[in-house]
Amino acid sequence: MPQIRKPTAVLDAEGSFIRHPERARANEPETGSSKPLGNPPSYLSVDQKRIWRELCKQMLPGVCFQSDRTAFELLVRLVCKMRDDTINRSEVSSLIALTSRFAMNPADRSKVAVEKPKESKLDKFLKRSAPSGPVPQPTAESITPPETVN
């Protein structure tokens, strides 16, 4: 049985295309980061909407977009059934497969490497090293008491 094809966003986050740039999927349609997953659909139940928001917070950045809403909805419905304790064995295996595809289980999450955000000029300024050499300490002679006025 062939291995399940990983999403390009997950491969890119893992750094696969850095090691093997010839494997980059040049003709794959781009979802674009301008189209995030968004809010839950209005037809979901209150519990399912709550789970949608919870899973969105757990999602790794750059993995799930608006074009993944249908698969994400299925994931939400399966998690809801799991929490209601009405899930069957085949649905459990589907749940495991979906969490794997969204890099939401420990084994798959460990494969994803997210780039650090670029450091701003302010961050560089705040993190700059202290001046080299000893720091001068005040001595008794350099500290003069204030003059008293009579």
N, C-alpha and C. Protein backbone atom coordinates (compact mmCIF):
# COMPACT_ATOMS: atom_id res chain seq x y z
N MET A 1 0.84 -1.18 0.00
CA MET A 1 0.00 0.00 0.00
C MET A 1 0.89 1.25 0.00
N PRO A 2 0.64 2.21 -0.88
CA PRO A 2 1.50 3.39 -0.96
C PRO A 2 1.33 4.30 0.25
N GLN A 3 2.37 5.08 0.50
CA GLN A 3 2.34 6.01 1.62
C GLN A 3 1.42 7.18 1.29
N ILE A 4 0.72 7.69 2.31
CA ILE A 4 -0.19 8.82 2.13
C ILE A 4 0.63 10.06 1.78
N ARG A 5 0.18 10.78 0.77
CA ARG A 5 0.88 11.98 0.31
C ARG A 5 0.70 13.10 1.33
N LYS A 6 1.81 13.69 1.76
CA LYS A 6 1.77 14.77 2.75
C LYS A 6 1.43 16.09 2.06
N PRO A 7 0.71 16.96 2.76
CA PRO A 7 0.44 18.28 2.19
C PRO A 7 1.74 19.05 1.97
N THR A 8 1.75 19.86 0.95
CA THR A 8 2.94 20.64 0.61
C THR A 8 3.33 21.57 1.75
N ALA A 9 2.34 22.15 2.43
CA ALA A 9 2.63 23.06 3.54
C ALA A 9 3.39 22.34 4.65
N VAL A 10 3.02 21.09 4.91
CA VAL A 10 3.71 20.31 5.95
C VAL A 10 5.13 19.99 5.49
N LEU A 11 5.28 19.58 4.24
CA LEU A 11 6.62 19.29 3.71
C LEU A 11 7.51 20.52 3.74
N ASP A 12 6.93 21.66 3.38
CA ASP A 12 7.69 22.90 3.38
C ASP A 12 8.09 23.29 4.80
N ALA A 13 7.18 23.13 5.75
CA ALA A 13 7.50 23.44 7.14
C ALA A 13 8.55 22.50 7.70
N GLU A 14 8.59 21.27 7.22
CA GLU A 14 9.60 20.31 7.67
C GLU A 14 10.97 20.59 7.07
N GLY A 15 11.01 21.40 6.03
CA GLY A 15 12.28 21.72 5.39
C GLY A 15 12.66 20.72 4.31
N SER A 16 11.70 19.92 3.84
CA SER A 16 11.98 18.91 2.83
C SER A 16 12.48 19.51 1.52
N PHE A 17 11.95 20.67 1.16
CA PHE A 17 12.34 21.27 -0.11
C PHE A 17 13.68 21.97 -0.01
N ILE A 18 14.16 22.24 1.20
CA ILE A 18 15.48 22.80 1.37
C ILE A 18 16.52 21.73 1.08
N ARG A 19 16.27 20.53 1.61
CA ARG A 19 17.19 19.42 1.39
C ARG A 19 17.11 18.90 -0.05
N HIS A 20 15.90 18.89 -0.62
CA HIS A 20 15.69 18.37 -1.98
C HIS A 20 14.82 19.35 -2.77
N PRO A 21 15.41 20.43 -3.28
CA PRO A 21 14.60 21.42 -4.01
C PRO A 21 13.97 20.86 -5.29
N GLU A 22 14.53 19.80 -5.82
CA GLU A 22 13.96 19.21 -7.05
C GLU A 22 12.61 18.55 -6.79
N ARG A 23 12.28 18.30 -5.53
CA ARG A 23 11.00 17.68 -5.19
C ARG A 23 9.88 18.68 -4.97
N ALA A 24 10.17 19.95 -5.06
CA ALA A 24 9.15 20.98 -4.86
C ALA A 24 8.05 20.82 -5.89
N ARG A 25 6.84 21.00 -5.46
CA ARG A 25 5.68 20.82 -6.34
C ARG A 25 5.35 22.17 -6.98
N ALA A 26 5.96 22.41 -8.12
CA ALA A 26 5.87 23.72 -8.76
C ALA A 26 4.47 24.02 -9.29
N ASN A 27 3.74 23.03 -9.76
CA ASN A 27 2.45 23.28 -10.41
C ASN A 27 1.25 23.09 -9.49
N GLU A 28 1.50 22.92 -8.20
CA GLU A 28 0.39 22.74 -7.27
C GLU A 28 -0.31 24.08 -7.04
N PRO A 29 -1.65 24.09 -7.07
CA PRO A 29 -2.34 25.35 -6.81
C PRO A 29 -2.06 25.83 -5.39
N GLU A 30 -1.90 27.13 -5.25
CA GLU A 30 -1.58 27.69 -3.95
C GLU A 30 -2.85 28.18 -3.27
N THR A 31 -2.96 27.87 -1.99
CA THR A 31 -4.10 28.34 -1.23
C THR A 31 -3.87 29.77 -0.76
N GLY A 32 -2.64 30.11 -0.55
CA GLY A 32 -2.29 31.46 -0.14
C GLY A 32 -2.59 31.71 1.32
N SER A 33 -1.70 32.40 1.98
CA SER A 33 -1.90 32.67 3.39
C SER A 33 -2.95 33.74 3.62
N SER A 34 -3.42 34.38 2.55
CA SER A 34 -4.44 35.42 2.72
C SER A 34 -5.82 34.83 2.94
N LYS A 35 -5.96 33.51 2.78
CA LYS A 35 -7.26 32.87 2.98
C LYS A 35 -7.18 31.90 4.16
N PRO A 36 -7.30 32.40 5.38
CA PRO A 36 -7.21 31.52 6.55
C PRO A 36 -8.44 30.62 6.65
N LEU A 37 -8.39 29.68 7.56
CA LEU A 37 -9.48 28.71 7.76
C LEU A 37 -10.79 29.42 8.07
N GLY A 38 -10.77 30.42 8.88
CA GLY A 38 -11.96 31.21 9.17
C GLY A 38 -12.79 30.66 10.31
N ASN A 39 -13.94 31.28 10.51
CA ASN A 39 -14.86 30.91 11.58
C ASN A 39 -15.62 29.63 11.22
N PRO A 40 -16.19 28.96 12.23
CA PRO A 40 -16.94 27.74 11.94
C PRO A 40 -18.21 28.04 11.15
N PRO A 41 -18.66 27.09 10.33
CA PRO A 41 -19.91 27.28 9.58
C PRO A 41 -21.09 27.45 10.53
N SER A 42 -22.10 28.18 10.11
CA SER A 42 -23.25 28.48 10.96
C SER A 42 -24.10 27.24 11.24
N TYR A 43 -24.04 26.23 10.39
CA TYR A 43 -24.88 25.05 10.57
C TYR A 43 -24.33 24.04 11.58
N LEU A 44 -23.12 24.28 12.11
CA LEU A 44 -22.59 23.38 13.14
C LEU A 44 -23.29 23.64 14.47
N SER A 45 -23.31 22.63 15.32
CA SER A 45 -23.89 22.80 16.66
C SER A 45 -22.98 23.66 17.51
N VAL A 46 -23.48 24.06 18.67
CA VAL A 46 -22.69 24.90 19.58
C VAL A 46 -21.43 24.18 20.01
N ASP A 47 -21.54 22.88 20.35
CA ASP A 47 -20.37 22.10 20.75
C ASP A 47 -19.35 21.99 19.62
N GLN A 48 -19.86 21.76 18.41
CA GLN A 48 -18.96 21.63 17.26
C GLN A 48 -18.24 22.95 16.97
N LYS A 49 -18.93 24.07 17.14
CA LYS A 49 -18.29 25.37 16.95
C LYS A 49 -17.20 25.60 17.99
N ARG A 50 -17.46 25.17 19.21
CA ARG A 50 -16.47 25.32 20.28
C ARG A 50 -15.24 24.47 19.96
N ILE A 51 -15.46 23.25 19.48
CA ILE A 51 -14.36 22.36 19.11
C ILE A 51 -13.60 22.92 17.91
N TRP A 52 -14.31 23.50 16.94
CA TRP A 52 -13.67 24.14 15.78
C TRP A 52 -12.66 25.19 16.25
N ARG A 53 -13.10 26.07 17.16
CA ARG A 53 -12.22 27.14 17.64
C ARG A 53 -11.04 26.55 18.43
N GLU A 54 -11.32 25.53 19.22
CA GLU A 54 -10.27 24.89 20.01
C GLU A 54 -9.20 24.27 19.10
N LEU A 55 -9.65 23.55 18.06
CA LEU A 55 -8.70 22.91 17.15
C LEU A 55 -7.94 23.94 16.31
N CYS A 56 -8.58 25.05 15.99
CA CYS A 56 -7.89 26.12 15.26
C CYS A 56 -6.71 26.65 16.07
N LYS A 57 -6.89 26.76 17.38
CA LYS A 57 -5.81 27.25 18.24
C LYS A 57 -4.66 26.25 18.30
N GLN A 58 -4.98 24.96 18.16
CA GLN A 58 -3.95 23.92 18.22
C GLN A 58 -3.23 23.73 16.89
N MET A 59 -3.81 24.23 15.82
CA MET A 59 -3.27 24.03 14.48
C MET A 59 -1.94 24.75 14.32
N LEU A 60 -0.98 24.09 13.71
CA LEU A 60 0.30 24.72 13.42
C LEU A 60 0.11 25.80 12.37
N PRO A 61 0.82 26.90 12.48
CA PRO A 61 0.66 27.97 11.49
C PRO A 61 1.10 27.52 10.10
N GLY A 62 0.32 27.91 9.11
CA GLY A 62 0.67 27.62 7.73
C GLY A 62 0.29 26.23 7.24
N VAL A 63 -0.50 25.48 8.01
CA VAL A 63 -0.86 24.12 7.60
C VAL A 63 -2.29 24.05 7.07
N CYS A 64 -3.21 24.81 7.61
CA CYS A 64 -4.63 24.70 7.27
C CYS A 64 -5.16 26.02 6.73
N PHE A 65 -5.83 25.95 5.57
CA PHE A 65 -6.36 27.14 4.92
C PHE A 65 -7.84 26.95 4.59
N GLN A 66 -8.42 27.94 3.97
CA GLN A 66 -9.84 27.92 3.65
C GLN A 66 -10.20 26.72 2.75
N SER A 67 -9.30 26.31 1.89
CA SER A 67 -9.56 25.18 1.02
C SER A 67 -9.61 23.85 1.77
N ASP A 68 -9.19 23.84 3.04
CA ASP A 68 -9.20 22.63 3.86
C ASP A 68 -10.41 22.56 4.79
N ARG A 69 -11.38 23.43 4.60
CA ARG A 69 -12.51 23.52 5.52
C ARG A 69 -13.32 22.22 5.58
N THR A 70 -13.51 21.54 4.48
CA THR A 70 -14.32 20.32 4.49
C THR A 70 -13.65 19.23 5.31
N ALA A 71 -12.36 19.02 5.10
CA ALA A 71 -11.64 18.02 5.88
C ALA A 71 -11.56 18.44 7.35
N PHE A 72 -11.41 19.73 7.60
CA PHE A 72 -11.36 20.20 8.98
C PHE A 72 -12.71 20.03 9.66
N GLU A 73 -13.78 20.25 8.92
CA GLU A 73 -15.13 20.02 9.48
C GLU A 73 -15.31 18.56 9.86
N LEU A 74 -14.84 17.66 9.03
CA LEU A 74 -14.92 16.23 9.35
C LEU A 74 -14.12 15.94 10.62
N LEU A 75 -12.97 16.52 10.74
CA LEU A 75 -12.16 16.36 11.95
C LEU A 75 -12.93 16.86 13.18
N VAL A 76 -13.57 18.01 13.06
CA VAL A 76 -14.35 18.58 14.17
C VAL A 76 -15.49 17.65 14.55
N ARG A 77 -16.20 17.13 13.56
CA ARG A 77 -17.34 16.23 13.85
C ARG A 77 -16.86 14.94 14.52
N LEU A 78 -15.72 14.42 14.11
CA LEU A 78 -15.19 13.20 14.73
C LEU A 78 -14.72 13.45 16.16
N VAL A 79 -14.10 14.60 16.39
CA VAL A 79 -13.69 14.93 17.76
C VAL A 79 -14.92 15.09 18.65
N CYS A 80 -15.97 15.69 18.12
CA CYS A 80 -17.21 15.86 18.89
C CYS A 80 -17.80 14.49 19.24
N LYS A 81 -17.82 13.57 18.27
CA LYS A 81 -18.32 12.22 18.55
C LYS A 81 -17.44 11.51 19.57
N MET A 82 -16.13 11.73 19.49
CA MET A 82 -15.23 11.11 20.45
C MET A 82 -15.53 11.62 21.87
N ARG A 83 -15.75 12.90 21.99
CA ARG A 83 -16.03 13.47 23.32
C ARG A 83 -17.40 13.08 23.85
N ASP A 84 -18.33 12.82 22.94
CA ASP A 84 -19.66 12.34 23.36
C ASP A 84 -19.65 10.84 23.63
N ASP A 85 -18.52 10.19 23.35
CA ASP A 85 -18.35 8.74 23.51
C ASP A 85 -19.32 7.94 22.63
N THR A 86 -19.55 8.45 21.41
CA THR A 86 -20.40 7.75 20.45
C THR A 86 -19.62 7.34 19.20
N ILE A 87 -18.32 7.39 19.27
CA ILE A 87 -17.48 7.10 18.11
C ILE A 87 -17.24 5.59 18.00
N ASN A 88 -17.22 5.09 16.76
CA ASN A 88 -16.95 3.65 16.57
C ASN A 88 -15.52 3.46 16.08
N ARG A 89 -15.12 2.22 15.92
CA ARG A 89 -13.71 1.91 15.59
C ARG A 89 -13.27 2.49 14.25
N SER A 90 -14.10 2.39 13.26
CA SER A 90 -13.69 2.91 11.95
C SER A 90 -13.56 4.43 11.99
N GLU A 91 -14.41 5.09 12.79
CA GLU A 91 -14.30 6.54 12.92
C GLU A 91 -13.04 6.93 13.70
N VAL A 92 -12.64 6.09 14.64
CA VAL A 92 -11.39 6.35 15.38
C VAL A 92 -10.20 6.33 14.43
N SER A 93 -10.18 5.34 13.53
CA SER A 93 -9.07 5.29 12.58
C SER A 93 -9.10 6.48 11.62
N SER A 94 -10.30 6.94 11.26
CA SER A 94 -10.41 8.15 10.43
C SER A 94 -9.93 9.38 11.18
N LEU A 95 -10.25 9.43 12.48
CA LEU A 95 -9.82 10.55 13.31
C LEU A 95 -8.30 10.59 13.41
N ILE A 96 -7.70 9.43 13.60
CA ILE A 96 -6.24 9.36 13.69
C ILE A 96 -5.60 9.79 12.37
N ALA A 97 -6.18 9.34 11.26
CA ALA A 97 -5.64 9.71 9.95
C ALA A 97 -5.76 11.22 9.70
N LEU A 98 -6.89 11.81 10.09
CA LEU A 98 -7.06 13.25 9.89
C LEU A 98 -6.13 14.07 10.77
N THR A 99 -5.97 13.66 12.01
CA THR A 99 -5.03 14.40 12.87
C THR A 99 -3.61 14.29 12.32
N SER A 100 -3.30 13.16 11.72
CA SER A 100 -1.99 12.99 11.11
C SER A 100 -1.82 13.92 9.91
N ARG A 101 -2.82 14.03 9.09
CA ARG A 101 -2.73 14.88 7.90
C ARG A 101 -2.64 16.35 8.24
N PHE A 102 -3.22 16.74 9.37
CA PHE A 102 -3.13 18.12 9.81
C PHE A 102 -1.95 18.34 10.76
N ALA A 103 -1.07 17.35 10.90
CA ALA A 103 0.12 17.41 11.78
C ALA A 103 -0.28 17.74 13.21
N MET A 104 -1.32 17.04 13.71
CA MET A 104 -1.84 17.32 15.04
C MET A 104 -1.60 16.20 16.03
N ASN A 105 -0.76 15.24 15.70
CA ASN A 105 -0.40 14.24 16.70
C ASN A 105 1.11 14.32 16.93
N PRO A 106 1.58 13.78 18.04
CA PRO A 106 3.00 13.98 18.40
C PRO A 106 3.99 13.54 17.33
N ALA A 107 3.74 12.41 16.69
CA ALA A 107 4.69 11.92 15.70
C ALA A 107 4.78 12.87 14.51
N ASP A 108 3.66 13.35 14.02
CA ASP A 108 3.68 14.25 12.86
C ASP A 108 4.12 15.65 13.23
N ARG A 109 3.76 16.09 14.43
CA ARG A 109 4.16 17.43 14.87
C ARG A 109 5.67 17.52 15.02
N SER A 110 6.29 16.42 15.42
CA SER A 110 7.74 16.44 15.60
C SER A 110 8.47 16.56 14.26
N LYS A 111 7.80 16.29 13.17
CA LYS A 111 8.42 16.39 11.85
C LYS A 111 8.35 17.79 11.27
N VAL A 112 7.54 18.65 11.87
CA VAL A 112 7.34 19.99 11.33
C VAL A 112 8.30 20.96 11.98
N ALA A 113 9.00 21.72 11.16
CA ALA A 113 9.91 22.75 11.65
C ALA A 113 9.40 24.09 11.14
N VAL A 114 9.04 24.97 12.05
CA VAL A 114 8.51 26.28 11.69
C VAL A 114 9.63 27.28 11.76
N GLU A 115 9.74 28.11 10.73
CA GLU A 115 10.78 29.13 10.70
C GLU A 115 10.52 30.17 11.78
N LYS A 116 11.60 30.65 12.39
CA LYS A 116 11.47 31.70 13.38
C LYS A 116 11.13 33.00 12.66
N PRO A 117 10.28 33.82 13.27
CA PRO A 117 9.99 35.10 12.63
C PRO A 117 11.23 35.97 12.57
N LYS A 118 11.28 36.84 11.56
CA LYS A 118 12.43 37.72 11.42
C LYS A 118 12.50 38.65 12.62
N GLU A 119 13.73 38.91 13.05
CA GLU A 119 13.93 39.75 14.22
C GLU A 119 13.85 41.21 13.81
N SER A 120 13.03 41.97 14.51
CA SER A 120 12.88 43.39 14.19
C SER A 120 14.06 44.18 14.74
N LYS A 121 14.17 45.41 14.30
CA LYS A 121 15.26 46.27 14.77
C LYS A 121 15.15 46.50 16.27
N LEU A 122 13.91 46.59 16.77
CA LEU A 122 13.71 46.78 18.20
C LEU A 122 14.20 45.56 18.98
N ASP A 123 13.88 44.36 18.49
CA ASP A 123 14.35 43.13 19.16
C ASP A 123 15.88 43.07 19.17
N LYS A 124 16.49 43.44 18.04
CA LYS A 124 17.96 43.43 17.98
C LYS A 124 18.54 44.42 18.98
N PHE A 125 17.90 45.59 19.07
CA PHE A 125 18.39 46.60 20.01
C PHE A 125 18.27 46.10 21.45
N LEU A 126 17.13 45.48 21.77
CA LEU A 126 16.91 45.01 23.14
C LEU A 126 17.80 43.83 23.50
N LYS A 127 18.19 43.04 22.51
CA LYS A 127 18.99 41.85 22.77
C LYS A 127 20.49 42.09 22.57
N ARG A 128 20.87 43.32 22.24
CA ARG A 128 22.28 43.56 21.95
C ARG A 128 23.11 43.26 23.20
N SER A 129 24.33 42.88 22.95
CA SER A 129 25.20 42.48 24.05
C SER A 129 25.64 43.69 24.85
N ALA A 130 25.96 43.45 26.09
CA ALA A 130 26.44 44.52 26.97
C ALA A 130 27.81 44.94 26.50
N PRO A 131 28.23 46.15 26.81
CA PRO A 131 29.56 46.60 26.39
C PRO A 131 30.64 45.70 26.98
N SER A 132 31.66 45.45 26.18
CA SER A 132 32.73 44.56 26.65
C SER A 132 33.62 45.31 27.63
N GLY A 133 34.28 44.55 28.47
CA GLY A 133 35.18 45.14 29.45
C GLY A 133 34.48 45.31 30.79
N PRO A 134 35.26 45.65 31.79
CA PRO A 134 34.68 45.81 33.12
C PRO A 134 33.80 47.06 33.20
N VAL A 135 32.78 46.95 33.99
CA VAL A 135 31.89 48.07 34.20
C VAL A 135 32.45 48.89 35.35
N PRO A 136 32.68 50.20 35.18
CA PRO A 136 33.25 51.00 36.27
C PRO A 136 32.30 51.06 37.45
N GLN A 137 32.87 50.87 38.62
CA GLN A 137 32.10 50.93 39.86
C GLN A 137 32.37 52.26 40.54
N PRO A 138 31.35 52.84 41.16
CA PRO A 138 31.58 54.11 41.86
C PRO A 138 32.48 53.91 43.07
N THR A 139 33.31 54.86 43.34
CA THR A 139 34.20 54.81 44.50
C THR A 139 33.76 55.87 45.50
N ALA A 140 34.32 55.80 46.69
CA ALA A 140 33.95 56.75 47.74
C ALA A 140 34.33 58.17 47.34
N GLU A 141 35.46 58.34 46.63
CA GLU A 141 35.90 59.68 46.24
C GLU A 141 34.98 60.26 45.16
N SER A 142 34.41 59.41 44.30
CA SER A 142 33.58 59.93 43.22
C SER A 142 32.19 60.33 43.69
N ILE A 143 31.82 59.88 44.87
CA ILE A 143 30.51 60.23 45.39
C ILE A 143 30.70 61.36 46.40
N THR A 144 30.21 62.52 46.08
CA THR A 144 30.35 63.66 46.98
C THR A 144 29.02 63.91 47.66
N PRO A 145 29.05 64.16 48.94
CA PRO A 145 27.78 64.42 49.63
C PRO A 145 27.22 65.76 49.20
N PRO A 146 25.91 65.89 49.24
CA PRO A 146 25.33 67.18 48.85
C PRO A 146 25.74 68.27 49.83
N GLU A 147 25.87 69.47 49.30
CA GLU A 147 26.28 70.59 50.15
C GLU A 147 25.13 70.97 51.07
N THR A 148 25.49 71.31 52.25
CA THR A 148 24.48 71.73 53.21
C THR A 148 24.36 73.24 53.16
N VAL A 149 23.16 73.71 53.19
CA VAL A 149 22.91 75.14 53.15
C VAL A 149 22.54 75.60 54.57
N ASN A 150 23.27 76.63 55.10
CA ASN A 150 23.00 77.14 56.45
C ASN A 150 22.19 78.38 56.40
